[in-house]
Protein backbone atom coordinates (compact mmCIF):
# COMPACT_ATOMS: atom_id res chain seq x y z
CA MET A 1 -46.86 137.64 123.33
CA THR A 2 -46.96 137.06 127.25
CA GLN A 3 -47.95 133.51 128.30
CA GLU A 4 -51.04 134.96 129.81
CA THR A 5 -52.31 136.22 126.37
CA LYS A 6 -51.30 132.76 125.00
CA ASP A 7 -53.62 131.23 127.47
CA ASP A 8 -56.45 133.70 126.77
CA ILE A 9 -56.22 132.83 123.01
CA PHE A 10 -56.28 129.41 123.93
CA LEU A 11 -59.36 129.48 126.25
CA ASP A 12 -61.15 131.59 123.63
CA LYS A 13 -60.74 128.75 120.95
CA ILE A 14 -62.17 126.05 123.99
CA ILE A 15 -65.10 128.32 124.44
CA ILE A 16 -65.85 128.77 120.64
CA SER A 17 -65.46 125.25 120.05
CA LEU A 18 -67.84 124.41 122.91
CA ILE A 19 -70.67 126.51 121.51
CA ILE A 20 -70.22 124.77 118.01
CA LEU A 21 -70.45 121.33 119.62
CA VAL A 22 -73.30 122.27 122.01
CA GLY A 23 -74.96 124.04 119.22
CA SER A 24 -74.63 120.79 116.88
CA ILE A 25 -76.11 118.80 119.40
CA LEU A 26 -79.02 120.88 119.93
CA VAL A 27 -79.93 121.19 116.53
CA PHE A 28 -79.44 117.20 116.05
CA ASN A 29 -81.46 116.62 118.84
CA GLN A 30 -84.42 118.92 117.60
CA PHE A 31 -84.12 117.21 114.31
CA GLN A 32 -84.52 113.78 115.89
CA TYR A 33 -87.56 115.10 117.99
CA THR A 34 -88.95 116.60 114.75
CA LYS A 35 -89.22 113.19 113.20
CA LEU A 36 -91.25 112.11 116.08
CA SER A 37 -93.37 114.96 116.56
CA SER A 38 -96.35 116.22 114.23
CA ASN A 39 -96.27 119.83 115.73
CA MET A 40 -94.48 121.87 112.89
CA LEU A 41 -95.05 124.97 114.66
CA LEU A 42 -93.47 123.73 118.03
CA THR A 43 -90.45 122.31 116.46
CA SER A 44 -90.01 125.38 114.01
CA LEU A 45 -90.21 127.51 117.35
CA SER A 46 -87.66 125.50 118.79
CA PHE A 47 -85.26 125.19 116.14
CA LEU A 48 -85.57 129.29 115.79
CA LEU A 49 -85.01 129.51 119.64
CA ILE A 50 -82.12 127.18 119.31
CA LEU A 51 -80.41 128.96 116.49
CA SER A 52 -81.07 132.52 118.10
CA LEU A 53 -79.53 131.82 121.31
CA ILE A 54 -76.60 130.02 119.76
CA GLY A 55 -76.09 133.24 117.47
CA MET A 56 -76.70 135.55 120.41
CA VAL A 57 -74.10 133.77 123.11
CA ALA A 58 -71.66 133.90 120.32
CA TRP A 59 -72.17 137.47 119.18
CA LEU A 60 -71.78 138.50 123.16
CA PHE A 61 -68.44 136.39 123.40
CA ILE A 62 -67.13 138.37 120.42
CA TYR A 63 -68.40 141.42 121.58
CA LYS A 64 -66.74 141.02 124.92
CA ASN A 65 -63.24 139.94 123.18
CA ASN A 66 -63.62 143.14 120.79
CA HIS A 67 -64.33 145.47 123.72
CA GLU A 68 -61.63 144.14 126.00
CA ALA A 69 -59.11 144.66 123.00
CA HIS A 70 -60.70 148.28 122.48
CA VAL A 71 -60.28 149.49 126.03
CA GLY A 72 -56.48 147.97 126.10
CA ILE A 73 -56.97 145.86 128.95
CA SER A 74 -53.49 144.38 129.98
CA MET A 75 -51.89 142.47 132.75
CA HIS A 76 -50.70 145.80 134.26
CA ASN A 77 -54.07 147.15 135.02
CA LYS A 78 -54.93 147.52 138.76
CA ILE A 79 -57.06 144.30 139.77
CA GLU A 80 -60.17 145.38 141.89
CA LYS A 81 -63.71 144.14 142.39
CA LYS A 82 -66.49 145.92 140.17
CA PRO A 83 -70.14 145.00 139.96
CA PHE A 84 -71.10 142.88 136.80
CA THR A 85 -71.79 145.00 133.86
CA PHE A 86 -75.06 145.23 131.75
CA MET A 87 -73.34 143.31 129.08
CA GLU A 88 -71.73 140.68 131.62
CA LYS A 89 -75.43 140.06 133.28
CA THR A 90 -76.62 139.53 129.74
CA SER A 91 -74.26 137.26 129.12
CA PHE A 92 -74.80 135.07 131.93
CA GLY A 93 -78.56 135.12 131.34
CA PHE A 94 -78.31 134.04 127.89
CA VAL A 95 -75.79 131.21 128.85
CA SER A 96 -78.35 130.10 131.69
CA LEU A 97 -81.07 130.19 129.24
CA VAL A 98 -79.03 127.86 126.64
CA ALA A 99 -78.62 125.33 129.71
CA VAL A 100 -82.27 125.30 130.24
CA LEU A 101 -83.11 124.90 126.63
CA ILE A 102 -80.81 121.79 126.20
CA LEU A 103 -82.68 120.31 129.38
CA PHE A 104 -85.95 121.08 127.80
CA ASN A 105 -84.68 119.55 124.41
CA GLN A 106 -83.74 116.31 126.21
CA PHE A 107 -87.01 116.20 127.85
CA GLN A 108 -88.95 116.70 124.57
CA ILE A 109 -86.76 113.79 123.13
CA SER A 110 -87.31 111.49 126.39
CA GLN A 111 -91.22 112.22 126.26
CA VAL A 112 -91.60 111.48 122.79
CA SER A 113 -89.71 108.36 122.56
CA ALA A 114 -91.23 106.91 125.70
CA PHE A 115 -94.75 107.59 123.80
CA VAL A 116 -93.65 106.06 120.76
CA SER A 117 -91.95 102.94 122.49
CA GLY A 118 -94.93 102.69 125.04
CA THR A 119 -92.66 102.75 127.85
CA PRO A 120 -92.62 105.58 130.83
CA SER A 121 -90.19 107.99 130.11
CA ALA A 122 -87.27 108.70 132.02
CA VAL A 123 -88.69 111.76 133.95
CA THR A 124 -91.88 109.69 134.75
CA SER A 125 -90.02 106.94 135.91
CA PHE A 126 -88.21 108.88 138.39
CA VAL A 127 -91.42 110.41 139.75
CA LYS A 128 -92.95 106.97 140.05
CA SER A 129 -89.94 105.72 142.01
CA VAL A 130 -89.90 108.30 144.45
CA SER A 131 -93.81 108.36 144.94
CA THR A 132 -94.56 104.71 144.75
CA PRO A 133 -93.26 101.42 146.95
CA LEU A 134 -90.51 99.34 145.55
CA LYS A 135 -91.44 96.55 143.23
CA LEU A 136 -91.78 92.87 143.95
CA GLY A 137 -88.87 91.18 142.28
CA SER A 138 -85.70 92.98 140.68
CA GLY A 139 -87.52 94.20 137.35
CA LYS A 140 -88.39 97.87 136.79
CA SER A 141 -92.13 97.10 136.21
CA GLY A 142 -92.43 94.29 139.04
CA ALA A 143 -93.16 90.72 138.94
CA VAL A 144 -96.24 88.33 139.54
CA ILE A 145 -96.24 84.57 140.78
CA GLY A 146 -97.28 82.28 138.22
CA PRO A 147 -96.93 78.60 136.49
CA GLN A 148 -94.45 78.29 134.04
CA ILE A 149 -94.34 74.84 131.91
CA ASN A 150 -91.43 72.52 132.68
CA SER A 151 -89.48 70.85 130.09
CA ASP A 152 -91.41 67.77 129.89
CA GLY A 153 -94.14 69.78 128.43
CA ARG A 154 -97.02 68.42 130.71
CA THR A 155 -96.28 69.71 134.23
CA THR A 156 -95.64 73.08 135.62
CA HIS A 157 -93.58 75.20 138.16
CA LEU A 158 -93.78 78.50 140.06
CA VAL A 159 -91.60 81.33 139.03
CA GLU A 160 -91.75 85.13 139.19
CA TRP A 161 -92.43 86.65 135.89
CA GLN A 162 -91.60 90.01 135.16
CA THR A 163 -94.26 92.30 133.93
CA ILE A 164 -94.66 95.03 131.43
CA SER A 165 -97.09 97.15 133.44
CA GLU A 166 -96.21 98.46 136.83
CA THR A 167 -96.85 96.19 139.45
CA PRO A 168 -96.89 97.37 143.16
CA SER A 169 -94.94 95.07 145.70
CA ALA A 170 -96.48 92.82 148.29
CA LYS A 171 -97.26 94.10 151.59
CA SER A 172 -97.91 92.47 154.67
CA THR A 173 -100.69 93.46 157.08
CA GLY A 174 -101.19 90.15 159.12
CA ASN A 175 -103.69 88.49 157.00
CA PRO A 176 -102.11 86.48 154.30
CA THR A 177 -105.12 86.03 152.23
CA ASN A 178 -106.03 89.75 152.08
CA ASP A 179 -102.39 90.54 151.23
CA ALA A 180 -102.38 87.94 148.55
CA ILE A 181 -105.25 89.57 146.88
CA ALA A 182 -103.79 92.94 147.13
CA ALA A 183 -100.70 91.66 145.28
CA VAL A 184 -101.97 89.38 142.68
CA ILE A 185 -105.15 90.74 141.48
CA PRO A 186 -104.25 94.00 139.26
CA THR A 187 -106.48 97.15 139.13
CA GLY A 188 -106.90 99.97 136.84
CA THR A 189 -105.77 100.36 133.29
CA PRO A 190 -102.19 99.47 132.12
CA PHE A 191 -100.32 102.34 130.31
CA TYR A 192 -100.45 100.76 126.65
CA VAL A 193 -104.24 100.78 126.68
CA LEU A 194 -104.06 104.77 127.49
CA GLU A 195 -101.53 105.74 124.74
CA GLY A 196 -98.65 104.31 122.63
CA PRO A 197 -98.58 102.35 119.17
CA GLY A 198 -101.64 100.08 118.88
CA SER A 199 -103.71 101.51 121.99
CA GLU A 200 -106.54 102.56 119.68
CA LYS A 201 -107.11 98.39 119.00
CA ILE A 202 -107.36 98.00 122.61
CA ALA A 203 -109.59 100.77 123.73
CA GLY A 204 -111.81 100.09 126.67
CA ILE A 205 -109.62 97.48 128.01
CA THR A 206 -109.18 97.49 131.88
CA PHE A 207 -108.01 95.09 134.46
CA ASP A 208 -111.42 96.42 136.58
CA ASP A 209 -113.51 94.88 133.78
CA PRO A 210 -112.21 91.23 133.00
CA ILE A 211 -115.14 90.38 130.71
CA ILE A 212 -114.92 93.15 128.42
CA SER A 213 -111.30 93.09 128.28
CA GLN A 214 -111.42 89.45 127.46
CA LYS A 215 -113.26 89.87 124.49
CA VAL A 216 -111.49 93.03 123.15
CA TRP A 217 -108.04 91.05 123.34
CA ALA A 218 -109.85 88.10 121.78
CA THR A 219 -110.65 90.20 118.69
CA LEU A 220 -107.17 90.86 117.92
CA LEU A 221 -106.34 87.02 117.01
CA GLY A 222 -108.85 86.92 114.07
CA SER A 223 -111.42 84.05 114.43
CA LYS A 224 -114.82 83.22 113.47
CA ARG A 225 -115.64 83.30 117.14
CA PHE A 226 -114.54 86.78 117.66
CA GLY A 227 -114.39 88.23 114.32
CA THR A 228 -111.71 89.47 111.97
CA ALA A 229 -112.24 93.31 111.78
CA ASN A 230 -109.73 94.11 114.33
CA ALA A 231 -107.27 91.35 113.72
CA ILE A 232 -103.64 92.07 113.92
CA GLU A 233 -101.27 90.67 110.93
CA LEU A 234 -97.73 89.83 111.75
CA THR A 235 -94.65 89.34 109.45
CA PRO A 236 -93.18 85.90 109.05
CA GLU A 237 -90.64 87.02 111.69
CA GLU A 238 -93.33 88.18 114.31
CA ASN A 239 -95.39 85.02 113.49
CA ALA A 240 -92.49 82.51 114.38
CA ARG A 241 -92.02 84.43 117.73
CA TRP A 242 -95.78 84.56 118.32
CA GLU A 243 -96.00 80.68 117.64
CA LYS A 244 -93.09 80.35 119.93
CA ILE A 245 -94.86 82.26 122.87
CA ILE A 246 -98.20 80.63 122.49
CA SER A 247 -96.93 76.93 122.73
CA LEU A 248 -95.23 77.84 125.84
CA PHE A 249 -97.80 79.62 127.62
CA THR A 250 -100.06 77.81 129.68
CA CYS A 251 -104.15 77.54 130.39
CA ASP A 252 -103.84 76.28 134.02
CA TYR A 253 -107.15 76.45 135.69
CA CYS A 254 -109.99 75.48 133.34
CA CYS A 255 -108.22 72.91 131.09
CA GLY A 256 -106.25 69.71 131.33
CA GLY A 257 -105.31 67.74 134.84
CA PRO A 258 -102.55 67.93 137.50
CA ASN A 259 -100.38 65.51 135.25
CA SER A 260 -101.29 67.18 131.84
CA VAL A 261 -101.06 70.93 131.49
CA THR A 262 -102.62 72.62 128.38
CA THR A 263 -100.67 75.42 126.31
CA ILE A 264 -102.99 78.13 125.01
CA ASN A 265 -102.43 77.09 121.52
CA ALA A 266 -104.17 73.74 122.19
CA CYS A 267 -107.02 75.01 124.01
CA GLY A 268 -110.46 76.64 122.72
CA CYS A 269 -111.57 78.57 125.67
CA ALA A 270 -112.13 82.31 125.31
CA HIS A 271 -109.04 82.92 127.69
CA ALA A 272 -106.98 81.17 125.28
CA PHE A 273 -108.30 83.43 122.55
CA ALA A 274 -107.51 86.61 124.54
CA TRP A 275 -103.93 85.84 125.58
CA GLN A 276 -103.13 84.74 121.93
CA GLY A 277 -104.45 88.28 120.66
CA MET A 278 -102.47 89.68 123.51
CA ALA A 279 -99.23 88.01 122.40
CA LYS A 280 -99.63 89.42 119.01
CA PHE A 281 -100.35 92.97 120.20
CA PHE A 282 -97.12 93.13 122.41
CA ILE A 283 -94.91 91.53 119.31
CA LYS A 284 -96.37 93.75 116.83
CA TYR A 285 -96.44 97.23 118.73
CA HIS A 286 -93.95 96.51 121.41
CA PRO A 287 -91.43 94.37 120.15
CA LYS A 288 -88.56 95.70 122.49
CA TYR A 289 -90.01 93.55 125.29
CA THR A 290 -88.66 90.12 125.57
CA ASP A 291 -90.86 86.90 125.50
CA GLU A 292 -90.41 86.23 129.26
CA GLN A 293 -91.76 89.66 129.89
CA ILE A 294 -94.98 89.41 127.45
CA MET A 295 -95.63 85.99 128.94
CA GLY A 296 -95.42 87.86 132.51
CA GLU A 297 -97.94 90.31 131.55
CA MET A 298 -100.13 87.60 130.26
CA THR A 299 -99.60 85.72 133.69
CA LYS A 300 -100.91 89.08 135.14
CA TRP A 301 -103.74 89.04 133.23
CA LYS A 302 -104.50 85.29 134.26
CA ALA A 303 -105.12 86.76 137.85
CA ILE A 304 -108.30 88.77 136.89
CA TRP A 305 -109.47 85.63 135.01
CA TYR A 306 -108.70 82.87 137.27
CA PRO A 307 -108.31 84.84 140.73
CA LYS A 308 -108.56 81.68 142.98
CA GLY A 309 -106.27 79.60 141.47
CA MET A 310 -103.63 82.32 140.97
CA ILE A 311 -104.02 83.42 144.47
CA GLN A 312 -103.61 79.61 145.82
CA ASP A 313 -100.15 79.36 143.80
CA TYR A 314 -99.14 82.60 145.51
CA LEU A 315 -99.84 81.49 148.86
CA VAL A 316 -98.02 78.08 147.98
CA TYR A 317 -95.00 80.30 146.52
CA ASN A 318 -94.94 81.88 149.88
CA GLY A 319 -95.06 78.92 151.97
CA GLN A 320 -98.57 80.00 153.33
CA GLN A 321 -100.32 76.87 151.83
CA ASP A 322 -99.51 73.52 151.48
CA ALA A 323 -98.94 72.63 147.48
CA SER A 324 -101.01 69.32 148.02
CA THR A 325 -103.94 71.30 148.10
CA LEU A 326 -103.25 72.13 144.47
CA THR A 327 -105.38 70.41 141.62
CA HIS A 328 -104.93 72.49 138.48
CA GLY A 329 -103.43 72.14 135.37
CA GLY A 330 -99.81 70.70 135.72
CA SER A 331 -99.78 70.95 139.53
CA VAL A 332 -97.97 67.86 139.95
CA GLY A 333 -95.10 69.79 139.09
CA ILE A 334 -95.43 72.35 141.65
CA LYS A 335 -95.92 69.82 144.31
CA GLN A 336 -92.50 68.48 143.52
CA GLN A 337 -91.05 71.70 143.44
CA PHE A 338 -92.00 72.28 146.78
CA LEU A 339 -91.53 69.04 147.92
CA GLN A 340 -87.74 68.88 146.70
CA GLN A 341 -87.21 72.70 148.54
CA GLY A 342 -88.76 71.11 151.59
CA SER A 343 -87.72 72.97 154.93
CA THR A 344 -85.05 75.07 153.52
CA ASN A 345 -87.48 76.84 151.20
CA ARG A 346 -86.55 80.43 151.78
CA GLN A 347 -90.17 81.46 151.15
CA THR A 348 -91.52 79.45 153.97
CA THR A 349 -93.33 81.58 156.68
CA GLN A 350 -95.21 80.77 159.65
CA ALA A 351 -98.38 82.78 158.82
CA THR A 352 -101.39 80.57 157.78
CA ALA A 353 -103.74 81.67 155.02
CA THR A 354 -107.59 81.78 155.32
CA PRO A 355 -109.91 79.89 153.27
CA ILE A 356 -110.37 81.35 150.02
CA ASP A 357 -113.50 79.24 148.78
CA ASN A 358 -115.53 82.66 148.13
CA LEU A 359 -113.24 83.80 145.52
CA PRO A 360 -114.36 83.35 141.90
CA SER A 361 -112.62 80.08 139.96
CA MET A 362 -113.16 82.07 136.61
CA GLN A 363 -114.18 85.16 135.24
CA GLY A 364 -115.33 85.43 131.71
CA GLY A 365 -116.43 83.15 129.19
CA CYS A 366 -114.99 79.50 128.60
């Protein structure tokens, strides 16, 4: 047996192994998709197509080898260029079809997994990444500026909170106040309301309707004030996580004072009820998000309920307004934060914001 013949046999074994490996991966992936999909007709057709294509590719490979052996192809034959035969064209076509099927199979897994987790799929994220501006901050979904409680439990400081829903980046138009409004006040309907686990419990919620949204979020808490029919029940482990979040998240703009901020577990306003229900929702139906991301999304909703206060904080954070103007709950800590940063504050800018007195201080019941 010549060295070339040995190499051909070795190559044949590699090809057969690859066919088996790829076929196994395809079947496994389709099985995973089947567990997520309720469309049995589609999954059955997909399985049938996968097995048919694998079988035809294997058959074409075996047919080619048998054909070459039958006609006695040898290393002494004269080498010359010939057009592809019908069988060769068919082989290439089926190999291409298998490649397309692999991509489609992975797309199915990505889309359904994203639907179940409530996050954008890889395909959706890519499309958005090339069609929308870069987000503020380093997170994939962006960030909002808002208060975070200090270790003293009474005052706050301003930080960038990573959000769950997409937050466009800030833009500079030369008008700091208008830029702040565009960056801070969210609009539209977040993805977790439109689809995904638990979306049926928050139908009708939108950033464009602060009052209705507040009432729906509050129903998830389960209380005499907002009813118990739509309440979310948590496991002991989930409840421990929820208790931690509501003991750290602050209600800054209608409760407490500059030296004493109020956390939402000690606040009786309707906004606090809504935030507590919101925390339950993300812990129950989107547990993959961190406590900080959940509080970041809660902060994003804070902007539509307390637009004036949130925009003031944003302007202070960006050096466009003096921190001494702040009087909301826990704001003494923010004044100290920016006093300590002084002239070295990297956020400082020469732009001066126009007054925001016409903005509403609060939307929704208290």
